[in-house]
Amino acid sequence: TDIVPMGQVHDWYSLRWQIEILFKTWKSFFQIHHCKKIKPERLECHLYGQLIAILLCSSIMFQMRQLLLMKKKR
């Protein structure tokens, strides 16, 4: 077996936790766990729309975070 350094284990666990929080946020904010009985085609369009919205919101939030960090460093 390979031995993983403690720092790397911590980094991986932190990343995993961030992913868990991200999915929980998406689930609650975008209501992706609620779905009515609809045609597969409509579901596919709805899913793509939700994923695009998630991508846009995540991108905007990341950019805002970067700007705030840069402003804080000044």
PDB file of N, CA and C in Angstrom:
ATOM      1  N   THR A   1       0.835  -1.199   0.000  1.00  0.00           N
ATOM      2  CA  THR A   1       0.000   0.000   0.000  1.00  0.00           C
ATOM      3  C   THR A   1       0.871   1.251   0.000  1.00  0.00           C
ATOM      4  N   ASP A   2       0.309   2.308  -0.555  1.00  0.00           N
ATOM      5  CA  ASP A   2       1.003   3.595  -0.569  1.00  0.00           C
ATOM      6  C   ASP A   2       0.629   4.393   0.673  1.00  0.00           C
ATOM      7  N   ILE A   3       1.594   5.087   1.206  1.00  0.00           N
ATOM      8  CA  ILE A   3       1.341   5.959   2.352  1.00  0.00           C
ATOM      9  C   ILE A   3       1.217   7.383   1.828  1.00  0.00           C
ATOM     10  N   VAL A   4       0.106   8.000   2.172  1.00  0.00           N
ATOM     11  CA  VAL A   4      -0.168   9.368   1.726  1.00  0.00           C
ATOM     12  C   VAL A   4       0.204  10.320   2.854  1.00  0.00           C
ATOM     13  N   PRO A   5       0.950  11.383   2.545  1.00  0.00           N
ATOM     14  CA  PRO A   5       1.308  12.356   3.585  1.00  0.00           C
ATOM     15  C   PRO A   5       0.068  12.986   4.224  1.00  0.00           C
ATOM     16  N   MET A   6       0.167  13.266   5.518  1.00  0.00           N
ATOM     17  CA  MET A   6      -0.958  13.812   6.274  1.00  0.00           C
ATOM     18  C   MET A   6      -1.488  15.100   5.653  1.00  0.00           C
ATOM     19  N   GLY A   7      -0.602  15.970   5.184  1.00  0.00           N
ATOM     20  CA  GLY A   7      -1.035  17.227   4.571  1.00  0.00           C
ATOM     21  C   GLY A   7      -1.886  16.997   3.340  1.00  0.00           C
ATOM     22  N   GLN A   8      -1.525  15.985   2.558  1.00  0.00           N
ATOM     23  CA  GLN A   8      -2.291  15.685   1.348  1.00  0.00           C
ATOM     24  C   GLN A   8      -3.664  15.118   1.707  1.00  0.00           C
ATOM     25  N   VAL A   9      -3.726  14.293   2.734  1.00  0.00           N
ATOM     26  CA  VAL A   9      -5.013  13.762   3.195  1.00  0.00           C
ATOM     27  C   VAL A   9      -5.914  14.917   3.609  1.00  0.00           C
ATOM     28  N   HIS A  10      -5.362  15.867   4.340  1.00  0.00           N
ATOM     29  CA  HIS A  10      -6.138  17.032   4.774  1.00  0.00           C
ATOM     30  C   HIS A  10      -6.642  17.820   3.572  1.00  0.00           C
ATOM     31  N   ASP A  11      -5.775  18.046   2.581  1.00  0.00           N
ATOM     32  CA  ASP A  11      -6.172  18.786   1.378  1.00  0.00           C
ATOM     33  C   ASP A  11      -7.298  18.074   0.639  1.00  0.00           C
ATOM     34  N   TRP A  12      -7.180  16.758   0.487  1.00  0.00           N
ATOM     35  CA  TRP A  12      -8.209  15.987  -0.222  1.00  0.00           C
ATOM     36  C   TRP A  12      -9.529  16.020   0.534  1.00  0.00           C
ATOM     37  N   TYR A  13      -9.466  15.870   1.852  1.00  0.00           N
ATOM     38  CA  TYR A  13     -10.690  15.893   2.644  1.00  0.00           C
ATOM     39  C   TYR A  13     -11.345  17.272   2.572  1.00  0.00           C
ATOM     40  N   SER A  14     -10.541  18.326   2.615  1.00  0.00           N
ATOM     41  CA  SER A  14     -11.082  19.688   2.506  1.00  0.00           C
ATOM     42  C   SER A  14     -11.758  19.889   1.161  1.00  0.00           C
ATOM     43  N   LEU A  15     -11.138  19.399   0.096  1.00  0.00           N
ATOM     44  CA  LEU A  15     -11.725  19.505  -1.240  1.00  0.00           C
ATOM     45  C   LEU A  15     -13.029  18.721  -1.317  1.00  0.00           C
ATOM     46  N   ARG A  16     -13.039  17.521  -0.755  1.00  0.00           N
ATOM     47  CA  ARG A  16     -14.255  16.709  -0.746  1.00  0.00           C
ATOM     48  C   ARG A  16     -15.380  17.448  -0.014  1.00  0.00           C
ATOM     49  N   TRP A  17     -15.056  18.069   1.106  1.00  0.00           N
ATOM     50  CA  TRP A  17     -16.051  18.796   1.883  1.00  0.00           C
ATOM     51  C   TRP A  17     -16.599  19.984   1.088  1.00  0.00           C
ATOM     52  N   GLN A  18     -15.736  20.686   0.364  1.00  0.00           N
ATOM     53  CA  GLN A  18     -16.180  21.810  -0.464  1.00  0.00           C
ATOM     54  C   GLN A  18     -17.134  21.333  -1.553  1.00  0.00           C
ATOM     55  N   ILE A  19     -16.846  20.174  -2.139  1.00  0.00           N
ATOM     56  CA  ILE A  19     -17.725  19.615  -3.170  1.00  0.00           C
ATOM     57  C   ILE A  19     -19.072  19.248  -2.564  1.00  0.00           C
ATOM     58  N   GLU A  20     -19.076  18.645  -1.379  1.00  0.00           N
ATOM     59  CA  GLU A  20     -20.329  18.301  -0.695  1.00  0.00           C
ATOM     60  C   GLU A  20     -21.175  19.552  -0.454  1.00  0.00           C
ATOM     61  N   ILE A  21     -20.547  20.607   0.033  1.00  0.00           N
ATOM     62  CA  ILE A  21     -21.264  21.858   0.302  1.00  0.00           C
ATOM     63  C   ILE A  21     -21.800  22.454  -0.991  1.00  0.00           C
ATOM     64  N   LEU A  22     -21.005  22.398  -2.055  1.00  0.00           N
ATOM     65  CA  LEU A  22     -21.434  22.927  -3.349  1.00  0.00           C
ATOM     66  C   LEU A  22     -22.678  22.199  -3.849  1.00  0.00           C
ATOM     67  N   PHE A  23     -22.680  20.869  -3.792  1.00  0.00           N
ATOM     68  CA  PHE A  23     -23.846  20.117  -4.251  1.00  0.00           C
ATOM     69  C   PHE A  23     -25.065  20.370  -3.365  1.00  0.00           C
ATOM     70  N   LYS A  24     -24.856  20.507  -2.065  1.00  0.00           N
ATOM     71  CA  LYS A  24     -25.976  20.803  -1.169  1.00  0.00           C
ATOM     72  C   LYS A  24     -26.573  22.168  -1.506  1.00  0.00           C
ATOM     73  N   THR A  25     -25.717  23.146  -1.799  1.00  0.00           N
ATOM     74  CA  THR A  25     -26.180  24.479  -2.189  1.00  0.00           C
ATOM     75  C   THR A  25     -26.970  24.415  -3.483  1.00  0.00           C
ATOM     76  N   TRP A  26     -26.427  23.700  -4.471  1.00  0.00           N
ATOM     77  CA  TRP A  26     -27.133  23.564  -5.753  1.00  0.00           C
ATOM     78  C   TRP A  26     -28.497  22.926  -5.538  1.00  0.00           C
ATOM     79  N   LYS A  27     -28.530  21.885  -4.718  1.00  0.00           N
ATOM     80  CA  LYS A  27     -29.783  21.164  -4.490  1.00  0.00           C
ATOM     81  C   LYS A  27     -30.827  22.071  -3.852  1.00  0.00           C
ATOM     82  N   SER A  28     -30.429  22.856  -2.872  1.00  0.00           N
ATOM     83  CA  SER A  28     -31.401  23.709  -2.187  1.00  0.00           C
ATOM     84  C   SER A  28     -31.742  24.958  -2.993  1.00  0.00           C
ATOM     85  N   PHE A  29     -30.749  25.595  -3.596  1.00  0.00           N
ATOM     86  CA  PHE A  29     -30.984  26.848  -4.316  1.00  0.00           C
ATOM     87  C   PHE A  29     -31.706  26.633  -5.641  1.00  0.00           C
ATOM     88  N   PHE A  30     -31.322  25.605  -6.378  1.00  0.00           N
ATOM     89  CA  PHE A  30     -31.898  25.364  -7.696  1.00  0.00           C
ATOM     90  C   PHE A  30     -33.024  24.331  -7.679  1.00  0.00           C
ATOM     91  N   GLN A  31     -33.329  23.783  -6.501  1.00  0.00           N
ATOM     92  CA  GLN A  31     -34.421  22.822  -6.351  1.00  0.00           C
ATOM     93  C   GLN A  31     -34.304  21.661  -7.345  1.00  0.00           C
ATOM     94  N   ILE A  32     -33.088  21.154  -7.562  1.00  0.00           N
ATOM     95  CA  ILE A  32     -32.896  20.095  -8.552  1.00  0.00           C
ATOM     96  C   ILE A  32     -33.429  18.741  -8.080  1.00  0.00           C
ATOM     97  N   HIS A  33     -33.782  18.626  -6.814  1.00  0.00           N
ATOM     98  CA  HIS A  33     -34.326  17.368  -6.318  1.00  0.00           C
ATOM     99  C   HIS A  33     -35.843  17.285  -6.502  1.00  0.00           C
ATOM    100  N   HIS A  34     -36.484  18.391  -6.905  1.00  0.00           N
ATOM    101  CA  HIS A  34     -37.914  18.384  -7.193  1.00  0.00           C
ATOM    102  C   HIS A  34     -38.112  18.273  -8.692  1.00  0.00           C
ATOM    103  N   CYS A  35     -38.868  17.282  -9.100  1.00  0.00           N
ATOM    104  CA  CYS A  35     -39.107  17.111 -10.529  1.00  0.00           C
ATOM    105  C   CYS A  35     -40.490  16.494 -10.719  1.00  0.00           C
ATOM    106  N   LYS A  36     -41.298  17.145 -11.522  1.00  0.00           N
ATOM    107  CA  LYS A  36     -42.624  16.620 -11.822  1.00  0.00           C
ATOM    108  C   LYS A  36     -42.510  15.564 -12.912  1.00  0.00           C
ATOM    109  N   LYS A  37     -43.569  14.800 -13.092  1.00  0.00           N
ATOM    110  CA  LYS A  37     -43.599  13.797 -14.151  1.00  0.00           C
ATOM    111  C   LYS A  37     -43.778  14.523 -15.483  1.00  0.00           C
ATOM    112  N   ILE A  38     -42.730  14.498 -16.299  1.00  0.00           N
ATOM    113  CA  ILE A  38     -42.756  15.184 -17.592  1.00  0.00           C
ATOM    114  C   ILE A  38     -42.102  14.304 -18.653  1.00  0.00           C
ATOM    115  N   LYS A  39     -42.258  14.717 -19.896  1.00  0.00           N
ATOM    116  CA  LYS A  39     -41.655  13.972 -21.002  1.00  0.00           C
ATOM    117  C   LYS A  39     -40.132  14.016 -20.882  1.00  0.00           C
ATOM    118  N   PRO A  40     -39.466  12.956 -21.326  1.00  0.00           N
ATOM    119  CA  PRO A  40     -37.994  12.919 -21.247  1.00  0.00           C
ATOM    120  C   PRO A  40     -37.320  14.104 -21.946  1.00  0.00           C
ATOM    121  N   GLU A  41     -37.872  14.539 -23.063  1.00  0.00           N
ATOM    122  CA  GLU A  41     -37.278  15.661 -23.796  1.00  0.00           C
ATOM    123  C   GLU A  41     -37.327  16.942 -22.972  1.00  0.00           C
ATOM    124  N   ARG A  42     -38.461  17.163 -22.331  1.00  0.00           N
ATOM    125  CA  ARG A  42     -38.613  18.361 -21.506  1.00  0.00           C
ATOM    126  C   ARG A  42     -37.698  18.288 -20.286  1.00  0.00           C
ATOM    127  N   LEU A  43     -37.595  17.105 -19.710  1.00  0.00           N
ATOM    128  CA  LEU A  43     -36.691  16.920 -18.572  1.00  0.00           C
ATOM    129  C   LEU A  43     -35.255  17.231 -18.978  1.00  0.00           C
ATOM    130  N   GLU A  44     -34.864  16.769 -20.160  1.00  0.00           N
ATOM    131  CA  GLU A  44     -33.509  17.030 -20.642  1.00  0.00           C
ATOM    132  C   GLU A  44     -33.271  18.533 -20.806  1.00  0.00           C
ATOM    133  N   CYS A  45     -34.236  19.240 -21.393  1.00  0.00           N
ATOM    134  CA  CYS A  45     -34.114  20.701 -21.547  1.00  0.00           C
ATOM    135  C   CYS A  45     -34.041  21.386 -20.186  1.00  0.00           C
ATOM    136  N   HIS A  46     -34.895  20.951 -19.269  1.00  0.00           N
ATOM    137  CA  HIS A  46     -34.912  21.528 -17.922  1.00  0.00           C
ATOM    138  C   HIS A  46     -33.568  21.300 -17.226  1.00  0.00           C
ATOM    139  N   LEU A  47     -33.052  20.086 -17.339  1.00  0.00           N
ATOM    140  CA  LEU A  47     -31.780  19.758 -16.708  1.00  0.00           C
ATOM    141  C   LEU A  47     -30.648  20.602 -17.287  1.00  0.00           C
ATOM    142  N   TYR A  48     -30.604  20.720 -18.616  1.00  0.00           N
ATOM    143  CA  TYR A  48     -29.568  21.552 -19.232  1.00  0.00           C
ATOM    144  C   TYR A  48     -29.701  23.009 -18.789  1.00  0.00           C
ATOM    145  N   GLY A  49     -30.923  23.495 -18.707  1.00  0.00           N
ATOM    146  CA  GLY A  49     -31.145  24.867 -18.242  1.00  0.00           C
ATOM    147  C   GLY A  49     -30.640  25.068 -16.824  1.00  0.00           C
ATOM    148  N   GLN A  50     -30.944  24.117 -15.959  1.00  0.00           N
ATOM    149  CA  GLN A  50     -30.486  24.199 -14.570  1.00  0.00           C
ATOM    150  C   GLN A  50     -28.958  24.157 -14.494  1.00  0.00           C
ATOM    151  N   LEU A  51     -28.353  23.278 -15.282  1.00  0.00           N
ATOM    152  CA  LEU A  51     -26.890  23.178 -15.268  1.00  0.00           C
ATOM    153  C   LEU A  51     -26.232  24.454 -15.783  1.00  0.00           C
ATOM    154  N   ILE A  52     -26.824  25.065 -16.803  1.00  0.00           N
ATOM    155  CA  ILE A  52     -26.299  26.337 -17.312  1.00  0.00           C
ATOM    156  C   ILE A  52     -26.422  27.419 -16.241  1.00  0.00           C
ATOM    157  N   ALA A  53     -27.574  27.460 -15.558  1.00  0.00           N
ATOM    158  CA  ALA A  53     -27.771  28.442 -14.487  1.00  0.00           C
ATOM    159  C   ALA A  53     -26.757  28.231 -13.361  1.00  0.00           C
ATOM    160  N   ILE A  54     -26.528  26.981 -12.999  1.00  0.00           N
ATOM    161  CA  ILE A  54     -25.545  26.668 -11.961  1.00  0.00           C
ATOM    162  C   ILE A  54     -24.157  27.118 -12.391  1.00  0.00           C
ATOM    163  N   LEU A  55     -23.803  26.834 -13.636  1.00  0.00           N
ATOM    164  CA  LEU A  55     -22.492  27.223 -14.158  1.00  0.00           C
ATOM    165  C   LEU A  55     -22.315  28.739 -14.128  1.00  0.00           C
ATOM    166  N   LEU A  56     -23.327  29.469 -14.587  1.00  0.00           N
ATOM    167  CA  LEU A  56     -23.243  30.932 -14.600  1.00  0.00           C
ATOM    168  C   LEU A  56     -23.135  31.498 -13.186  1.00  0.00           C
ATOM    169  N   CYS A  57     -23.981  31.016 -12.288  1.00  0.00           N
ATOM    170  CA  CYS A  57     -23.947  31.513 -10.907  1.00  0.00           C
ATOM    171  C   CYS A  57     -22.620  31.184 -10.230  1.00  0.00           C
ATOM    172  N   SER A  58     -22.131  29.980 -10.441  1.00  0.00           N
ATOM    173  CA  SER A  58     -20.855  29.592  -9.836  1.00  0.00           C
ATOM    174  C   SER A  58     -19.718  30.443 -10.378  1.00  0.00           C
ATOM    175  N   SER A  59     -19.736  30.696 -11.677  1.00  0.00           N
ATOM    176  CA  SER A  59     -18.692  31.514 -12.298  1.00  0.00           C
ATOM    177  C   SER A  59     -18.720  32.939 -11.757  1.00  0.00           C
ATOM    178  N   ILE A  60     -19.905  33.505 -11.655  1.00  0.00           N
ATOM    179  CA  ILE A  60     -20.046  34.871 -11.137  1.00  0.00           C
ATOM    180  C   ILE A  60     -19.596  34.936  -9.677  1.00  0.00           C
ATOM    181  N   MET A  61     -20.004  33.955  -8.881  1.00  0.00           N
ATOM    182  CA  MET A  61     -19.615  33.952  -7.472  1.00  0.00           C
ATOM    183  C   MET A  61     -18.101  33.793  -7.321  1.00  0.00           C
ATOM    184  N   PHE A  62     -17.486  32.961  -8.158  1.00  0.00           N
ATOM    185  CA  PHE A  62     -16.036  32.790  -8.105  1.00  0.00           C
ATOM    186  C   PHE A  62     -15.336  34.098  -8.458  1.00  0.00           C
ATOM    187  N   GLN A  63     -15.812  34.785  -9.495  1.00  0.00           N
ATOM    188  CA  GLN A  63     -15.211  36.059  -9.890  1.00  0.00           C
ATOM    189  C   GLN A  63     -15.379  37.107  -8.797  1.00  0.00           C
ATOM    190  N   MET A  64     -16.554  37.137  -8.168  1.00  0.00           N
ATOM    191  CA  MET A  64     -16.780  38.084  -7.074  1.00  0.00           C
ATOM    192  C   MET A  64     -15.826  37.799  -5.917  1.00  0.00           C
ATOM    193  N   ARG A  65     -15.643  36.531  -5.620  1.00  0.00           N
ATOM    194  CA  ARG A  65     -14.732  36.146  -4.534  1.00  0.00           C
ATOM    195  C   ARG A  65     -13.309  36.585  -4.856  1.00  0.00           C
ATOM    196  N   GLN A  66     -12.884  36.370  -6.094  1.00  0.00           N
ATOM    197  CA  GLN A  66     -11.542  36.775  -6.505  1.00  0.00           C
ATOM    198  C   GLN A  66     -11.373  38.292  -6.381  1.00  0.00           C
ATOM    199  N   LEU A  67     -12.371  39.053  -6.826  1.00  0.00           N
ATOM    200  CA  LEU A  67     -12.299  40.513  -6.734  1.00  0.00           C
ATOM    201  C   LEU A  67     -12.229  40.980  -5.281  1.00  0.00           C
ATOM    202  N   LEU A  68     -13.021  40.357  -4.424  1.00  0.00           N
ATOM    203  CA  LEU A  68     -12.991  40.722  -3.008  1.00  0.00           C
ATOM    204  C   LEU A  68     -11.639  40.403  -2.378  1.00  0.00           C
ATOM    205  N   LEU A  69     -11.066  39.266  -2.727  1.00  0.00           N
ATOM    206  CA  LEU A  69      -9.745  38.917  -2.193  1.00  0.00           C
ATOM    207  C   LEU A  69      -8.683  39.890  -2.678  1.00  0.00           C
ATOM    208  N   MET A  70      -8.747  40.281  -3.952  1.00  0.00           N
ATOM    209  CA  MET A  70      -7.786  41.249  -4.488  1.00  0.00           C
ATOM    210  C   MET A  70      -7.949  42.602  -3.807  1.00  0.00           C
ATOM    211  N   LYS A  71      -9.197  43.007  -3.585  1.00  0.00           N
ATOM    212  CA  LYS A  71      -9.471  44.294  -2.937  1.00  0.00           C
ATOM    213  C   LYS A  71      -8.984  44.273  -1.486  1.00  0.00           C
ATOM    214  N   LYS A  72      -9.153  43.137  -0.830  1.00  0.00           N
ATOM    215  CA  LYS A  72      -8.734  43.007   0.561  1.00  0.00           C
ATOM    216  C   LYS A  72      -7.212  43.093   0.692  1.00  0.00           C
ATOM    217  N   LYS A  73      -6.473  42.604  -0.312  1.00  0.00           N
ATOM    218  CA  LYS A  73      -5.011  42.633  -0.274  1.00  0.00           C
ATOM    219  C   LYS A  73      -4.461  44.043  -0.416  1.00  0.00           C
ATOM    220  N   ARG A  74      -5.215  44.954  -1.015  1.00  0.00           N
ATOM    221  CA  ARG A  74      -4.733  46.336  -1.220  1.00  0.00           C
ATOM    222  C   ARG A  74      -4.638  47.089   0.053  1.00  0.00           C
TER     223      ARG A  74
END
